[in-house]
Protein backbone atom coordinates (compact mmCIF):
# COMPACT_ATOMS: atom_id res chain seq x y z
CA MET A 1 72.74 296.47 123.66
CA GLU A 2 71.43 294.80 126.52
CA GLN A 3 71.71 291.33 125.00
CA ASN A 4 74.80 292.19 124.90
CA ASN A 5 75.73 292.66 128.24
CA GLN A 6 74.03 289.31 129.15
CA ARG A 7 75.56 287.50 127.11
CA LEU A 8 78.53 289.12 128.59
CA ALA A 9 77.88 288.66 131.99
CA ILE A 10 77.07 284.78 131.27
CA ARG A 11 80.12 284.51 129.64
CA VAL A 12 82.44 285.51 132.24
CA SER A 13 80.55 283.75 134.78
CA VAL A 14 81.29 280.54 132.65
CA ASN A 15 84.87 281.32 132.90
CA THR A 16 85.16 281.48 136.10
CA ILE A 17 83.04 278.53 136.81
CA VAL A 18 85.49 276.45 135.00
CA LEU A 19 88.42 277.84 136.83
CA ASN A 20 87.01 277.55 140.27
CA VAL A 21 86.18 273.83 139.26
CA LEU A 22 89.86 273.21 138.36
CA LEU A 23 90.97 275.14 141.18
CA SER A 24 89.10 273.27 143.90
CA ALA A 25 90.33 270.27 142.47
CA PHE A 26 93.78 271.45 142.85
CA LYS A 27 93.46 272.54 146.25
CA LEU A 28 91.54 269.54 147.56
CA VAL A 29 94.61 267.55 146.41
CA ALA A 30 97.27 269.65 147.99
CA GLY A 31 95.30 269.83 150.78
CA ILE A 32 95.25 266.07 151.26
CA VAL A 33 98.70 265.42 149.93
CA GLY A 34 99.77 268.40 151.57
CA HIS A 35 98.59 267.16 154.78
CA SER A 36 96.54 270.69 155.48
CA ALA A 37 92.88 270.60 156.77
CA ALA A 38 93.21 274.89 156.08
CA MET A 39 93.94 274.07 152.21
CA VAL A 40 91.31 270.89 152.17
CA SER A 41 88.71 274.04 153.59
CA ASP A 42 89.49 276.63 151.12
CA ALA A 43 88.44 273.97 148.36
CA VAL A 44 85.14 273.77 149.60
CA HIS A 45 84.98 278.01 149.49
CA SER A 46 86.80 277.56 146.34
CA LEU A 47 83.43 274.91 145.37
CA SER A 48 81.16 277.70 146.86
CA ASP A 49 81.66 279.53 144.31
CA VAL A 50 80.44 277.89 141.76
CA VAL A 51 76.92 277.98 143.52
CA SER A 52 76.53 281.52 143.80
CA THR A 53 78.16 281.91 140.12
CA ILE A 54 74.99 279.38 139.62
CA ILE A 55 72.68 281.35 141.10
CA VAL A 56 74.15 284.89 139.21
CA ILE A 57 73.69 283.09 135.95
CA PHE A 58 70.33 282.31 136.94
CA GLY A 59 69.13 285.69 138.33
CA LEU A 60 70.92 287.18 135.36
CA LYS A 61 68.81 285.63 132.64
CA VAL A 62 65.40 286.07 134.60
CA ALA A 63 66.32 289.75 134.99
CA ASN A 64 66.85 289.85 131.07
CA LYS A 65 63.41 288.87 130.59
CA LYS A 66 60.95 291.36 128.65
CA ALA A 67 58.07 292.05 130.64
CA ASP A 68 55.13 289.84 130.13
CA LYS A 69 51.47 290.54 132.41
CA GLU A 70 52.17 289.48 135.21
CA HIS A 71 55.57 291.41 135.35
CA PRO A 72 54.53 294.78 133.01
CA TYR A 73 57.39 296.58 134.54
CA GLY A 74 60.33 293.93 134.10
CA HIS A 75 62.03 291.29 136.19
CA GLU A 76 65.05 293.28 136.66
CA ARG A 77 64.57 292.93 140.53
CA PHE A 78 64.90 289.40 139.90
CA GLU A 79 68.77 289.96 139.85
CA CYS A 80 68.40 291.88 143.54
CA VAL A 81 67.09 288.79 144.81
CA ALA A 82 70.24 286.92 143.53
CA SER A 83 72.24 289.54 145.30
CA ILE A 84 70.70 288.96 148.37
CA ILE A 85 71.39 284.96 148.11
CA LEU A 86 74.87 285.76 147.11
CA ALA A 87 75.38 288.45 150.05
CA VAL A 88 73.69 285.44 152.37
CA ILE A 89 76.09 282.92 151.01
CA LEU A 90 79.14 285.07 151.53
CA GLY A 91 77.94 286.44 155.34
CA VAL A 92 78.03 282.80 156.32
CA THR A 93 80.89 281.94 154.37
CA GLY A 94 82.89 285.01 156.89
CA VAL A 95 81.18 283.47 160.23
CA GLY A 96 82.30 280.35 159.57
CA ILE A 97 85.99 281.39 159.18
CA GLY A 98 86.02 284.08 161.73
CA LEU A 99 84.31 280.70 164.29
CA SER A 100 86.54 278.49 162.88
CA GLY A 101 89.54 280.70 163.77
CA ILE A 102 88.11 281.09 167.31
CA ARG A 103 87.86 277.58 168.43
CA THR A 104 91.31 276.71 167.05
CA ILE A 105 92.65 279.70 169.04
CA LEU A 106 90.94 278.00 171.99
CA ALA A 107 91.53 274.56 171.85
CA GLY A 108 95.39 275.04 171.91
CA HIS A 109 97.52 272.15 171.38
CA TYR A 110 99.00 273.58 168.37
CA GLU A 111 102.14 270.95 168.49
CA THR A 112 99.37 268.03 167.77
CA LEU A 113 98.80 269.66 164.34
CA ALA A 114 100.77 268.07 161.49
CA ILE A 115 103.32 270.30 159.35
CA PRO A 116 101.80 271.18 156.02
CA SER A 117 103.76 270.60 152.73
CA LEU A 118 105.09 273.23 150.24
CA LEU A 119 102.92 271.79 148.34
CA ALA A 120 100.13 272.97 150.51
CA LEU A 121 102.14 276.19 150.65
CA SER A 122 101.94 276.94 146.08
CA ALA A 123 98.43 275.85 146.06
CA ALA A 124 97.76 278.66 148.34
CA ILE A 125 99.82 280.91 146.35
CA THR A 126 98.05 279.55 143.58
CA SER A 127 94.81 280.52 145.34
CA ILE A 128 95.65 284.15 145.91
CA VAL A 129 96.40 284.58 142.45
CA VAL A 130 94.16 283.25 140.31
CA LYS A 131 91.12 284.31 142.28
CA GLU A 132 92.44 288.28 143.07
CA GLY A 133 92.15 288.04 138.80
CA MET A 134 89.31 286.46 138.75
CA TYR A 135 87.90 289.11 141.52
CA TRP A 136 89.54 292.24 139.23
CA TYR A 137 87.74 290.23 136.05
CA THR A 138 84.50 289.52 136.78
CA LYS A 139 84.46 293.02 138.83
CA ALA A 140 85.02 295.19 135.16
CA ALA A 141 82.24 292.85 133.79
CA ALA A 142 80.05 294.00 136.39
CA LYS A 143 80.84 297.47 135.72
CA LYS A 144 80.45 297.31 132.19
CA VAL A 145 76.98 295.92 132.56
CA ASN A 146 76.21 297.71 135.44
CA SER A 147 74.76 294.08 137.60
CA THR A 148 74.64 294.35 141.48
CA ALA A 149 74.83 290.04 141.33
CA LEU A 150 77.30 290.28 138.98
CA MET A 151 79.47 292.17 141.50
CA ALA A 152 78.39 290.28 144.56
CA SER A 153 80.10 287.05 142.75
CA ALA A 154 83.49 289.35 142.12
CA TRP A 155 83.59 289.95 146.19
CA HIS A 156 82.70 286.59 146.42
CA HIS A 157 86.15 285.49 144.77
CA ARG A 158 87.78 288.11 146.30
CA SER A 159 86.67 286.22 149.99
CA ASP A 160 88.28 283.08 148.05
CA ALA A 161 91.43 284.72 147.53
CA LEU A 162 90.84 286.61 151.56
CA SER A 163 90.68 282.99 152.75
CA SER A 164 93.50 281.47 150.82
CA VAL A 165 95.59 284.31 152.33
CA GLY A 166 94.87 282.65 155.84
CA SER A 167 95.33 279.67 154.76
CA LEU A 168 98.68 280.91 153.58
CA ALA A 169 99.80 282.67 156.55
CA GLY A 170 98.17 279.30 158.84
CA ILE A 171 100.55 276.94 156.42
CA ALA A 172 103.63 279.27 156.55
CA GLY A 173 103.24 280.13 160.58
CA ALA A 174 102.98 276.14 161.19
CA ARG A 175 105.92 275.29 158.72
CA ILE A 176 108.25 278.15 161.38
CA GLY A 177 106.83 276.67 164.35
CA TYR A 178 103.55 279.44 165.38
CA PRO A 179 100.64 277.53 163.65
CA VAL A 180 98.04 279.85 165.50
CA VAL A 181 98.94 282.80 162.92
CA ASP A 182 96.40 280.71 161.08
CA SER A 183 93.24 281.39 163.23
CA VAL A 184 94.36 284.92 164.02
CA ALA A 185 94.31 285.70 160.10
CA CYS A 186 90.79 283.67 159.76
CA LEU A 187 89.45 286.67 162.59
CA ILE A 188 90.83 289.22 160.60
CA ILE A 189 89.73 287.71 157.39
CA CYS A 190 86.34 287.30 158.50
CA PHE A 191 85.97 291.33 159.49
CA PHE A 192 86.46 291.85 155.79
CA ILE A 193 84.40 289.19 153.83
CA ILE A 194 80.81 290.39 156.37
CA LYS A 195 81.30 293.42 155.73
CA ALA A 196 81.57 292.77 151.73
CA ALA A 197 78.40 290.93 152.21
CA PHE A 198 76.46 293.54 153.94
CA ASP A 199 77.76 296.24 151.43
CA ILE A 200 76.28 293.93 149.01
CA PHE A 201 72.99 292.96 151.03
CA MET A 202 72.21 296.44 151.35
CA ASP A 203 73.21 298.00 148.02
CA ALA A 204 70.13 295.21 146.71
CA ILE A 205 67.94 296.22 149.20
CA ASN A 206 68.00 300.04 148.48
CA LYS A 207 67.46 298.94 144.78
CA MET A 208 64.34 296.91 145.39
CA THR A 209 62.67 299.51 147.76
CA ASP A 210 62.37 302.67 144.96
CA ARG A 211 65.26 304.46 146.84
CA SER A 212 66.20 307.96 144.59
CA CYS A 213 69.27 308.03 142.43
CA ASP A 214 72.77 309.43 144.27
CA ASP A 215 72.91 313.80 144.02
CA GLU A 216 75.50 313.66 141.70
CA THR A 217 73.09 311.61 139.25
CA VAL A 218 70.39 313.94 140.28
CA ALA A 219 71.82 316.85 140.05
CA GLU A 220 73.33 315.80 136.30
CA ILE A 221 69.62 314.95 135.24
CA GLN A 222 68.53 318.14 136.39
CA THR A 223 71.33 319.96 134.03
CA LEU A 224 70.85 318.25 130.84
CA ILE A 225 66.70 318.95 131.27
CA LEU A 226 67.47 322.65 131.85
CA ALA A 227 69.55 322.71 128.60
CA GLN A 228 66.84 322.00 126.49
CA ASP A 229 65.59 324.31 124.08
CA GLN A 230 62.20 325.58 126.06
CA VAL A 231 62.26 324.48 128.82
CA LEU A 232 61.96 327.24 131.81
CA GLY A 233 62.35 325.03 134.92
CA ILE A 234 61.53 321.95 136.84
CA ASP A 235 58.57 321.34 138.72
CA LEU A 236 58.95 318.31 139.96
CA LEU A 237 61.80 315.34 139.44
CA ARG A 238 61.68 311.91 140.79
CA THR A 239 64.17 308.98 140.65
CA ARG A 240 63.77 305.32 141.33
CA LEU A 241 66.18 302.19 141.33
CA PHE A 242 64.66 299.47 140.08
CA GLY A 243 66.81 296.65 140.10
CA ASP A 244 69.57 297.90 138.42
CA LYS A 245 67.50 300.08 136.03
CA ILE A 246 66.11 304.16 136.67
CA TYR A 247 62.45 305.13 136.46
CA VAL A 248 62.30 309.13 135.81
CA ASP A 249 59.45 311.07 136.45
CA VAL A 250 59.89 314.92 135.46
CA GLU A 251 57.34 317.69 135.39
CA ILE A 252 58.73 320.61 133.31
CA SER A 253 57.52 324.14 133.07
CA VAL A 254 57.26 325.74 129.16
CA ASP A 255 55.57 328.71 127.55
CA GLY A 256 52.45 328.21 128.52
CA ASN A 257 51.05 330.04 125.25
CA ILE A 258 52.27 327.33 122.91
CA SER A 259 50.30 325.33 121.37
CA LEU A 260 49.81 321.98 122.64
CA TYR A 261 51.79 320.17 119.58
CA ASN A 262 54.68 322.60 120.59
CA SER A 263 54.68 321.26 124.29
CA HIS A 264 54.23 317.80 123.23
CA ASN A 265 57.48 317.93 121.24
CA ILE A 266 59.40 319.55 123.68
CA ALA A 267 58.66 316.53 126.14
CA HIS A 268 59.59 314.21 123.71
CA ILE A 269 62.79 316.08 123.23
CA VAL A 270 63.59 316.08 126.90
CA HIS A 271 62.78 311.96 126.91
CA ASP A 272 64.97 311.46 124.01
CA ALA A 273 67.40 313.19 125.91
CA LEU A 274 67.81 312.01 129.00
CA GLU A 275 67.04 308.06 127.45
CA ASP A 276 70.17 308.72 125.31
CA HIS A 277 72.37 310.14 127.98
CA PHE A 278 71.61 307.40 130.22
CA PRO A 279 71.61 303.81 129.00
CA THR A 280 70.24 302.80 132.26
CA ILE A 281 67.03 304.52 132.49
CA LYS A 282 64.49 302.11 131.69
CA HIS A 283 61.32 304.49 132.12
CA CYS A 284 61.06 308.01 131.60
CA MET A 285 57.79 310.03 132.29
CA VAL A 286 57.33 313.84 131.00
CA HIS A 287 54.80 315.93 132.21
CA VAL A 288 54.74 318.93 130.84
CA ASN A 289 53.26 322.52 133.12
CA PRO A 290 51.84 325.62 131.89
CA GLY A 291 54.45 328.62 132.87
CA SER A 292 55.06 332.22 132.65
CA LYS A 293 55.91 333.51 129.18
CA PRO A 294 59.33 334.54 129.28
CA GLU A 295 59.63 337.96 128.40
CA ASN A 296 61.87 338.08 125.58
CA SER A 297 59.23 335.66 123.12
CA GLY A 298 58.20 339.23 121.72
CA GLU A 299 55.18 338.39 121.90
């Protein structure tokens, strides 16, 4: 199952690399021929997606390596490292777009700027459509394989689409006599990109610092445990995120008069039920405590 998820994630990443290279080449030519500095910058931004996607592939390959002597608990957290790197790249991209807009606004002299051609305008529209499609394509795969690094890559595609929206606004504004629109749009886009980078960064940090699962997941785990035969209660339940995997430590109470063999069997049933119901659970430790004997036990 994990190997299939890795192959899917890598296939999606390779496909987006090919599309980004083709799109970047088209935007670069359109920016030069169409006299649009914004489109040239947009082409460079698309090329940065290639670098980020390569980082994703590297992170996925390392994260899916089997446990070894140096890493007995596996390598899942390397995917979080890839997510943090992508978040930083995304944040720097957002800041760069924002600063570019501020510099242009403060500089003024918009009348000296060359008027972009329809080729540059069409390139911006094409970029928005393609990059937004890549965002949804990558996001769907990220959800399917539960990959934070792949989700970060999806948001990088979205940031490129937003950048192209700014380019489109600037090119269209310049063609109708309002070139400052490009710079104003850059500031708005900057905010959304930095917010996405912050969310990705915090999600990766939480998964690297043993944060517990969300309340809904914990409640679902509790319900499943209590639904198993002969489980009288839950004395302790701890969960922690390890990369994109979940570790569960639970202490259950069972009838203290049953044999060790039977109590072990109950623990095994709880263990298997949790791992079968939650594919993202990598490790589950079930400890059995003696509880009060049920009144209707007949003994």
